[in-house]
Amino acid sequence: MTKQTPEPAAPKRMSLSQKLALASGAGAAITGIVAPQSADAVPIQSTTLPLSPPASNGYGYWDVDGDGTNDFRLHNRSGTLARLTDQGPARFVSPVDATTDGFAKLNTGFNVGGALVAGYKFPSGSSSDISMTIGGAIGRTVSEQGWSIGNTGYFGFKFSNASGVHYGWGQASFTGTPGQGFTLTEAYYNGVAGAPIAVGDTGASAVPEIDPASAGSVMSLVIGSLAMLERRRKLRAADASPTAVSA
């Protein structure tokens, strides 16, 4: 007499559709496709920098987002004084206890937004001609706020456009050149109106741009490999038979 002994229960197998779904996730990780950042972190670089005051007596302007509205003015006065002034509702972050409103030097990570940490503010009124350098020496106001000739550091600002108030941070350097003693070298602002931005945030952790051809090649390879494995599994299952054991 013989009896049929059933095969041990095999581990539950994933279906091909389940494997393909898993492969889609793996392919996304391989090609660098990740979930987008939250809407409150959209750093946009100002493409209108770098800027310095004109080489001779006169004015230059910084339009942060390039919308045709000047937000800040750079002034070379008589080839001696280098000045900076906000325009309209635009403002620079200023120390609360500064002698005059001005151009605070900030550390990386400083949060620029509607609510600033204690000791800092956005002036309620326009800052009239912040003296950045005078005859090649650092201006008194900005000197009180941490700047010196030969120094490069960060500042905070806000400006407005059709979508509302935007907050940003920038980098400035002081050369001491009479009449042109400073340069606004780069700046980023949050593309979401009203949302804050941290000094130093350039959006480097944002979703990278993916070459569609490259991404498609990776996914095709993953899916093709899984399909081949599924065909082999079905062939092995077809060849298998119950094991007979003599009693």
C-alpha atoms as a PDB file:
ATOM      1  CA  MET A   1       0.000   0.000   0.000  1.00  0.00           C
ATOM      2  CA  THR A   2       1.238   3.361  -0.791  1.00  0.00           C
ATOM      3  CA  LYS A   3       0.128   6.698   0.437  1.00  0.00           C
ATOM      4  CA  GLN A   4       0.681  10.054  -0.975  1.00  0.00           C
ATOM      5  CA  THR A   5       2.645  12.400   1.200  1.00  0.00           C
ATOM      6  CA  PRO A   6       1.916  15.998   0.337  1.00  0.00           C
ATOM      7  CA  GLU A   7       4.802  18.308  -0.251  1.00  0.00           C
ATOM      8  CA  PRO A   8       5.641  20.642   2.620  1.00  0.00           C
ATOM      9  CA  ALA A   9       3.775  23.909   2.334  1.00  0.00           C
ATOM     10  CA  ALA A  10       5.834  26.227   0.213  1.00  0.00           C
ATOM     11  CA  PRO A  11       6.349  29.800   1.281  1.00  0.00           C
ATOM     12  CA  LYS A  12       3.699  32.070  -0.147  1.00  0.00           C
ATOM     13  CA  ARG A  13       4.902  33.454  -3.454  1.00  0.00           C
ATOM     14  CA  MET A  14       4.325  36.980  -4.717  1.00  0.00           C
ATOM     15  CA  SER A  15       2.429  37.277  -7.955  1.00  0.00           C
ATOM     16  CA  LEU A  16       4.099  38.780 -10.973  1.00  0.00           C
ATOM     17  CA  SER A  17       2.007  41.923 -10.569  1.00  0.00           C
ATOM     18  CA  GLN A  18       3.170  42.244  -6.954  1.00  0.00           C
ATOM     19  CA  LYS A  19       6.780  41.793  -8.016  1.00  0.00           C
ATOM     20  CA  LEU A  20       6.402  44.391 -10.722  1.00  0.00           C
ATOM     21  CA  ALA A  21       4.921  46.809  -8.234  1.00  0.00           C
ATOM     22  CA  LEU A  22       7.901  46.196  -5.960  1.00  0.00           C
ATOM     23  CA  ALA A  23      10.222  46.623  -8.939  1.00  0.00           C
ATOM     24  CA  SER A  24       8.663  49.968  -9.693  1.00  0.00           C
ATOM     25  CA  GLY A  25       9.647  51.148  -6.235  1.00  0.00           C
ATOM     26  CA  ALA A  26      13.150  49.737  -6.617  1.00  0.00           C
ATOM     27  CA  GLY A  27      13.529  51.315 -10.022  1.00  0.00           C
ATOM     28  CA  ALA A  28      12.445  54.643  -8.618  1.00  0.00           C
ATOM     29  CA  ALA A  29      15.089  54.401  -5.911  1.00  0.00           C
ATOM     30  CA  ILE A  30      17.760  53.441  -8.464  1.00  0.00           C
ATOM     31  CA  THR A  31      16.988  56.340 -10.765  1.00  0.00           C
ATOM     32  CA  GLY A  32      16.681  58.882  -7.947  1.00  0.00           C
ATOM     33  CA  ILE A  33      12.949  59.543  -8.321  1.00  0.00           C
ATOM     34  CA  VAL A  34      11.639  60.486  -4.899  1.00  0.00           C
ATOM     35  CA  ALA A  35       8.595  62.186  -3.476  1.00  0.00           C
ATOM     36  CA  PRO A  36       8.583  65.928  -4.050  1.00  0.00           C
ATOM     37  CA  GLN A  37       9.424  68.312  -1.236  1.00  0.00           C
ATOM     38  CA  SER A  38       6.643  69.911   0.742  1.00  0.00           C
ATOM     39  CA  ALA A  39       5.139  73.066  -0.680  1.00  0.00           C
ATOM     40  CA  ASP A  40       6.759  75.256   2.006  1.00  0.00           C
ATOM     41  CA  ALA A  41      10.318  74.516   0.794  1.00  0.00           C
ATOM     42  CA  VAL A  42      10.742  75.796  -2.751  1.00  0.00           C
ATOM     43  CA  PRO A  43      14.045  77.721  -2.925  1.00  0.00           C
ATOM     44  CA  ILE A  44      14.395  79.733  -6.135  1.00  0.00           C
ATOM     45  CA  GLN A  45      17.680  81.342  -7.118  1.00  0.00           C
ATOM     46  CA  SER A  46      17.711  85.000  -8.050  1.00  0.00           C
ATOM     47  CA  THR A  47      19.168  85.102 -11.546  1.00  0.00           C
ATOM     48  CA  THR A  48      19.795  88.868 -11.452  1.00  0.00           C
ATOM     49  CA  LEU A  49      22.943  88.617  -9.290  1.00  0.00           C
ATOM     50  CA  PRO A  50      25.828  89.272  -8.790  1.00  0.00           C
ATOM     51  CA  LEU A  51      25.539  93.042  -8.546  1.00  0.00           C
ATOM     52  CA  SER A  52      27.699  95.902  -7.263  1.00  0.00           C
ATOM     53  CA  PRO A  53      27.096  99.642  -7.337  1.00  0.00           C
ATOM     54  CA  PRO A  54      27.955 101.259 -10.700  1.00  0.00           C
ATOM     55  CA  ALA A  55      31.614 101.973 -11.474  1.00  0.00           C
ATOM     56  CA  SER A  56      30.898 105.710 -11.443  1.00  0.00           C
ATOM     57  CA  ASN A  57      28.465 108.000  -9.670  1.00  0.00           C
ATOM     58  CA  GLY A  58      24.950 106.612 -10.110  1.00  0.00           C
ATOM     59  CA  TYR A  59      22.425 103.910  -9.284  1.00  0.00           C
ATOM     60  CA  GLY A  60      21.970 100.227  -9.998  1.00  0.00           C
ATOM     61  CA  TYR A  61      18.956  98.091  -9.058  1.00  0.00           C
ATOM     62  CA  TRP A  62      18.280  94.546  -7.910  1.00  0.00           C
ATOM     63  CA  ASP A  63      15.028  93.032  -9.169  1.00  0.00           C
ATOM     64  CA  VAL A  64      15.031  89.832  -7.100  1.00  0.00           C
ATOM     65  CA  ASP A  65      12.688  87.719  -9.230  1.00  0.00           C
ATOM     66  CA  GLY A  66      13.114  89.510 -12.557  1.00  0.00           C
ATOM     67  CA  ASP A  67       9.469  90.599 -12.749  1.00  0.00           C
ATOM     68  CA  GLY A  68      10.324  94.144 -13.785  1.00  0.00           C
ATOM     69  CA  THR A  69       9.908  95.696 -10.320  1.00  0.00           C
ATOM     70  CA  ASN A  70      13.082  96.924  -8.608  1.00  0.00           C
ATOM     71  CA  ASP A  71      13.319  95.726  -5.010  1.00  0.00           C
ATOM     72  CA  PHE A  72      16.656  97.190  -3.867  1.00  0.00           C
ATOM     73  CA  ARG A  73      18.918 100.039  -5.031  1.00  0.00           C
ATOM     74  CA  LEU A  74      22.740 100.057  -5.086  1.00  0.00           C
ATOM     75  CA  HIS A  75      24.283 103.530  -5.095  1.00  0.00           C
ATOM     76  CA  ASN A  76      27.762 104.782  -5.897  1.00  0.00           C
ATOM     77  CA  ARG A  77      27.810 108.320  -4.571  1.00  0.00           C
ATOM     78  CA  SER A  78      30.531 110.476  -6.068  1.00  0.00           C
ATOM     79  CA  GLY A  79      32.903 107.509  -6.395  1.00  0.00           C
ATOM     80  CA  THR A  80      33.335 107.478  -2.611  1.00  0.00           C
ATOM     81  CA  LEU A  81      30.277 106.065  -0.813  1.00  0.00           C
ATOM     82  CA  ALA A  82      28.708 102.661  -1.517  1.00  0.00           C
ATOM     83  CA  ARG A  83      25.101 102.552  -0.349  1.00  0.00           C
ATOM     84  CA  LEU A  84      22.188 100.114  -0.308  1.00  0.00           C
ATOM     85  CA  THR A  85      18.494 101.037  -0.076  1.00  0.00           C
ATOM     86  CA  ASP A  86      15.297  98.992  -0.076  1.00  0.00           C
ATOM     87  CA  GLN A  87      12.513  99.955  -2.447  1.00  0.00           C
ATOM     88  CA  GLY A  88       8.759  99.876  -1.785  1.00  0.00           C
ATOM     89  CA  PRO A  89       7.814  97.031   0.607  1.00  0.00           C
ATOM     90  CA  ALA A  90      11.162  95.223   0.296  1.00  0.00           C
ATOM     91  CA  ARG A  91      13.238  95.057   3.504  1.00  0.00           C
ATOM     92  CA  PHE A  92      16.453  93.591   4.930  1.00  0.00           C
ATOM     93  CA  VAL A  93      16.626  91.736   8.238  1.00  0.00           C
ATOM     94  CA  SER A  94      17.978  94.189  10.819  1.00  0.00           C
ATOM     95  CA  PRO A  95      19.108  93.843  14.445  1.00  0.00           C
ATOM     96  CA  VAL A  96      16.549  95.268  16.855  1.00  0.00           C
ATOM     97  CA  ASP A  97      19.193  97.140  18.847  1.00  0.00           C
ATOM     98  CA  ALA A  98      21.167  98.595  15.901  1.00  0.00           C
ATOM     99  CA  THR A  99      21.788 102.352  15.909  1.00  0.00           C
ATOM    100  CA  THR A 100      19.930 102.542  12.588  1.00  0.00           C
ATOM    101  CA  ASP A 101      18.020  99.914  10.637  1.00  0.00           C
ATOM    102  CA  GLY A 102      20.312  98.087   8.313  1.00  0.00           C
ATOM    103  CA  PHE A 103      21.811  94.893   7.024  1.00  0.00           C
ATOM    104  CA  ALA A 104      22.257  92.185   9.673  1.00  0.00           C
ATOM    105  CA  LYS A 105      24.934  89.544   9.187  1.00  0.00           C
ATOM    106  CA  LEU A 106      23.293  86.138   9.717  1.00  0.00           C
ATOM    107  CA  ASN A 107      24.446  82.574  10.347  1.00  0.00           C
ATOM    108  CA  THR A 108      23.489  79.590   8.211  1.00  0.00           C
ATOM    109  CA  GLY A 109      20.246  78.041   9.376  1.00  0.00           C
ATOM    110  CA  PHE A 110      18.750  81.373  10.439  1.00  0.00           C
ATOM    111  CA  ASN A 111      15.031  81.233   9.666  1.00  0.00           C
ATOM    112  CA  VAL A 112      13.914  84.177   7.523  1.00  0.00           C
ATOM    113  CA  GLY A 113      10.145  84.578   7.610  1.00  0.00           C
ATOM    114  CA  GLY A 114       7.214  86.488   9.020  1.00  0.00           C
ATOM    115  CA  ALA A 115       8.350  85.690  12.569  1.00  0.00           C
ATOM    116  CA  LEU A 116      12.043  86.270  13.318  1.00  0.00           C
ATOM    117  CA  VAL A 117      13.951  85.121  16.393  1.00  0.00           C
ATOM    118  CA  ALA A 118      14.378  87.564  19.256  1.00  0.00           C
ATOM    119  CA  GLY A 119      16.822  90.337  18.494  1.00  0.00           C
ATOM    120  CA  TYR A 120      15.952  90.714  14.800  1.00  0.00           C
ATOM    121  CA  LYS A 121      13.235  92.445  12.817  1.00  0.00           C
ATOM    122  CA  PHE A 122      12.109  93.662   9.430  1.00  0.00           C
ATOM    123  CA  PRO A 123      11.970  97.460   9.727  1.00  0.00           C
ATOM    124  CA  SER A 124       8.475  98.897   9.396  1.00  0.00           C
ATOM    125  CA  GLY A 125       9.747 101.781   7.261  1.00  0.00           C
ATOM    126  CA  SER A 126      12.153 101.965   4.351  1.00  0.00           C
ATOM    127  CA  SER A 127      15.861 102.000   5.243  1.00  0.00           C
ATOM    128  CA  SER A 128      17.255 105.173   3.732  1.00  0.00           C
ATOM    129  CA  ASP A 129      20.659 104.661   2.134  1.00  0.00           C
ATOM    130  CA  ILE A 130      22.488 102.114   4.299  1.00  0.00           C
ATOM    131  CA  SER A 131      26.137 103.184   4.111  1.00  0.00           C
ATOM    132  CA  MET A 132      27.930  99.962   3.260  1.00  0.00           C
ATOM    133  CA  THR A 133      31.405 101.452   2.755  1.00  0.00           C
ATOM    134  CA  ILE A 134      32.791 104.979   3.023  1.00  0.00           C
ATOM    135  CA  GLY A 135      35.990 105.819   1.160  1.00  0.00           C
ATOM    136  CA  GLY A 136      36.933 102.145   1.104  1.00  0.00           C
ATOM    137  CA  ALA A 137      36.297 101.596   4.850  1.00  0.00           C
ATOM    138  CA  ILE A 138      33.368  99.669   6.302  1.00  0.00           C
ATOM    139  CA  GLY A 139      30.289 101.755   7.120  1.00  0.00           C
ATOM    140  CA  ARG A 140      29.465 102.262  10.790  1.00  0.00           C
ATOM    141  CA  THR A 141      25.972 100.768  10.634  1.00  0.00           C
ATOM    142  CA  VAL A 142      27.002  97.528   8.960  1.00  0.00           C
ATOM    143  CA  SER A 143      30.137  97.353  11.104  1.00  0.00           C
ATOM    144  CA  GLU A 144      27.865  97.257  14.187  1.00  0.00           C
ATOM    145  CA  GLN A 145      26.019  94.374  12.561  1.00  0.00           C
ATOM    146  CA  GLY A 146      29.089  92.153  12.131  1.00  0.00           C
ATOM    147  CA  TRP A 147      30.525  93.086   8.722  1.00  0.00           C
ATOM    148  CA  SER A 148      34.096  94.087   7.867  1.00  0.00           C
ATOM    149  CA  ILE A 149      36.200  94.740   4.758  1.00  0.00           C
ATOM    150  CA  GLY A 150      37.292  91.491   3.112  1.00  0.00           C
ATOM    151  CA  ASN A 151      34.336  89.703   4.693  1.00  0.00           C
ATOM    152  CA  THR A 152      31.779  87.463   2.969  1.00  0.00           C
ATOM    153  CA  GLY A 153      28.591  86.552   4.799  1.00  0.00           C
ATOM    154  CA  TYR A 154      24.829  86.114   4.696  1.00  0.00           C
ATOM    155  CA  PHE A 155      21.859  88.471   4.952  1.00  0.00           C
ATOM    156  CA  GLY A 156      18.078  88.081   4.977  1.00  0.00           C
ATOM    157  CA  PHE A 157      15.431  89.950   3.031  1.00  0.00           C
ATOM    158  CA  LYS A 158      11.819  90.039   1.926  1.00  0.00           C
ATOM    159  CA  PHE A 159      10.140  91.438  -1.169  1.00  0.00           C
ATOM    160  CA  SER A 160       6.712  91.363  -2.767  1.00  0.00           C
ATOM    161  CA  ASN A 161       5.354  90.396  -6.154  1.00  0.00           C
ATOM    162  CA  ALA A 162       1.944  89.562  -7.600  1.00  0.00           C
ATOM    163  CA  SER A 163       1.682  86.375  -5.508  1.00  0.00           C
ATOM    164  CA  GLY A 164       2.474  88.030  -2.165  1.00  0.00           C
ATOM    165  CA  VAL A 165       5.410  88.495   0.224  1.00  0.00           C
ATOM    166  CA  HIS A 166       8.435  86.249  -0.314  1.00  0.00           C
ATOM    167  CA  TYR A 167      11.305  85.650   2.117  1.00  0.00           C
ATOM    168  CA  GLY A 168      14.887  85.017   1.103  1.00  0.00           C
ATOM    169  CA  TRP A 169      18.550  85.004   2.017  1.00  0.00           C
ATOM    170  CA  GLY A 170      21.609  86.213   0.152  1.00  0.00           C
ATOM    171  CA  GLN A 171      25.381  86.396   0.283  1.00  0.00           C
ATOM    172  CA  ALA A 172      27.383  89.621   0.220  1.00  0.00           C
ATOM    173  CA  SER A 173      31.091  90.393   0.109  1.00  0.00           C
ATOM    174  CA  PHE A 174      32.899  93.604   1.064  1.00  0.00           C
ATOM    175  CA  THR A 175      35.914  94.651  -1.008  1.00  0.00           C
ATOM    176  CA  GLY A 176      36.330  98.242   0.108  1.00  0.00           C
ATOM    177  CA  THR A 177      36.646  99.582  -3.431  1.00  0.00           C
ATOM    178  CA  PRO A 178      35.654 103.282  -3.101  1.00  0.00           C
ATOM    179  CA  GLY A 179      32.121 103.744  -4.386  1.00  0.00           C
ATOM    180  CA  GLN A 180      31.761 100.024  -5.147  1.00  0.00           C
ATOM    181  CA  GLY A 181      32.705  98.562  -1.812  1.00  0.00           C
ATOM    182  CA  PHE A 182      30.309  95.610  -1.769  1.00  0.00           C
ATOM    183  CA  THR A 183      28.818  92.939  -4.041  1.00  0.00           C
ATOM    184  CA  LEU A 184      25.587  90.985  -3.636  1.00  0.00           C
ATOM    185  CA  THR A 185      26.909  87.678  -4.930  1.00  0.00           C
ATOM    186  CA  GLU A 186      23.932  85.296  -4.804  1.00  0.00           C
ATOM    187  CA  ALA A 187      20.461  84.929  -3.296  1.00  0.00           C
ATOM    188  CA  TYR A 188      17.584  82.461  -2.956  1.00  0.00           C
ATOM    189  CA  TYR A 189      13.968  83.065  -1.996  1.00  0.00           C
ATOM    190  CA  ASN A 190      11.058  80.798  -1.153  1.00  0.00           C
ATOM    191  CA  GLY A 191       8.778  80.513  -4.167  1.00  0.00           C
ATOM    192  CA  VAL A 192       5.803  79.993  -1.844  1.00  0.00           C
ATOM    193  CA  ALA A 193       4.434  83.364  -0.745  1.00  0.00           C
ATOM    194  CA  GLY A 194       4.469  83.811   3.032  1.00  0.00           C
ATOM    195  CA  ALA A 195       6.590  80.707   3.697  1.00  0.00           C
ATOM    196  CA  PRO A 196       9.985  81.010   5.470  1.00  0.00           C
ATOM    197  CA  ILE A 197      13.378  79.905   4.225  1.00  0.00           C
ATOM    198  CA  ALA A 198      16.551  78.979   6.109  1.00  0.00           C
ATOM    199  CA  VAL A 199      19.792  80.796   5.338  1.00  0.00           C
ATOM    200  CA  GLY A 200      21.882  78.468   3.188  1.00  0.00           C
ATOM    201  CA  ASP A 201      18.932  76.509   1.753  1.00  0.00           C
ATOM    202  CA  THR A 202      19.491  76.220  -2.005  1.00  0.00           C
ATOM    203  CA  GLY A 203      17.087  73.375  -2.653  1.00  0.00           C
ATOM    204  CA  ALA A 204      19.975  70.930  -3.168  1.00  0.00           C
ATOM    205  CA  SER A 205      17.881  68.154  -1.576  1.00  0.00           C
ATOM    206  CA  ALA A 206      15.036  68.706  -4.006  1.00  0.00           C
ATOM    207  CA  VAL A 207      14.008  66.070  -6.536  1.00  0.00           C
ATOM    208  CA  PRO A 208      16.853  65.714  -9.045  1.00  0.00           C
ATOM    209  CA  GLU A 209      16.159  66.079 -12.742  1.00  0.00           C
ATOM    210  CA  ILE A 210      16.051  62.617 -14.287  1.00  0.00           C
ATOM    211  CA  ASP A 211      16.982  61.684 -17.840  1.00  0.00           C
ATOM    212  CA  PRO A 212      13.812  59.884 -19.015  1.00  0.00           C
ATOM    213  CA  ALA A 213      15.829  57.653 -21.354  1.00  0.00           C
ATOM    214  CA  SER A 214      18.067  56.516 -18.497  1.00  0.00           C
ATOM    215  CA  ALA A 215      15.139  55.919 -16.161  1.00  0.00           C
ATOM    216  CA  GLY A 216      13.318  53.901 -18.830  1.00  0.00           C
ATOM    217  CA  SER A 217      16.355  51.698 -19.439  1.00  0.00           C
ATOM    218  CA  VAL A 218      16.692  50.845 -15.761  1.00  0.00           C
ATOM    219  CA  MET A 219      13.005  50.016 -15.412  1.00  0.00           C
ATOM    220  CA  SER A 220      13.021  47.871 -18.563  1.00  0.00           C
ATOM    221  CA  LEU A 221      15.940  45.855 -17.182  1.00  0.00           C
ATOM    222  CA  VAL A 222      14.244  45.296 -13.822  1.00  0.00           C
ATOM    223  CA  ILE A 223      10.900  44.296 -15.348  1.00  0.00           C
ATOM    224  CA  GLY A 224      12.527  42.006 -17.924  1.00  0.00           C
ATOM    225  CA  SER A 225      14.523  40.182 -15.235  1.00  0.00           C
ATOM    226  CA  LEU A 226      11.431  39.596 -13.102  1.00  0.00           C
ATOM    227  CA  ALA A 227       9.448  38.260 -16.064  1.00  0.00           C
ATOM    228  CA  MET A 228      12.228  35.753 -16.832  1.00  0.00           C
ATOM    229  CA  LEU A 229      12.284  34.557 -13.201  1.00  0.00           C
ATOM    230  CA  GLU A 230       8.507  34.114 -13.255  1.00  0.00           C
ATOM    231  CA  ARG A 231       8.693  31.930 -16.403  1.00  0.00           C
ATOM    232  CA  ARG A 232      11.357  29.722 -14.782  1.00  0.00           C
ATOM    233  CA  ARG A 233       9.223  29.313 -11.655  1.00  0.00           C
ATOM    234  CA  LYS A 234       6.252  28.121 -13.719  1.00  0.00           C
ATOM    235  CA  LEU A 235       8.418  25.560 -15.579  1.00  0.00           C
ATOM    236  CA  ARG A 236       9.729  24.148 -12.283  1.00  0.00           C
ATOM    237  CA  ALA A 237       6.173  23.886 -10.941  1.00  0.00           C
ATOM    238  CA  ALA A 238       5.042  22.014 -14.064  1.00  0.00           C
ATOM    239  CA  ASP A 239       7.864  19.446 -13.717  1.00  0.00           C
ATOM    240  CA  ALA A 240       7.239  18.832 -10.008  1.00  0.00           C
ATOM    241  CA  SER A 241       5.088  15.805  -8.866  1.00  0.00           C
ATOM    242  CA  PRO A 242       3.980  14.456  -5.429  1.00  0.00           C
ATOM    243  CA  THR A 243       6.560  12.192  -3.684  1.00  0.00           C
ATOM    244  CA  ALA A 244       5.487   8.515  -3.293  1.00  0.00           C
ATOM    245  CA  VAL A 245       6.469   6.784  -0.026  1.00  0.00           C
ATOM    246  CA  SER A 246       6.149   2.946   0.444  1.00  0.00           C
ATOM    247  CA  ALA A 247       4.304   1.763   3.572  1.00  0.00           C
END
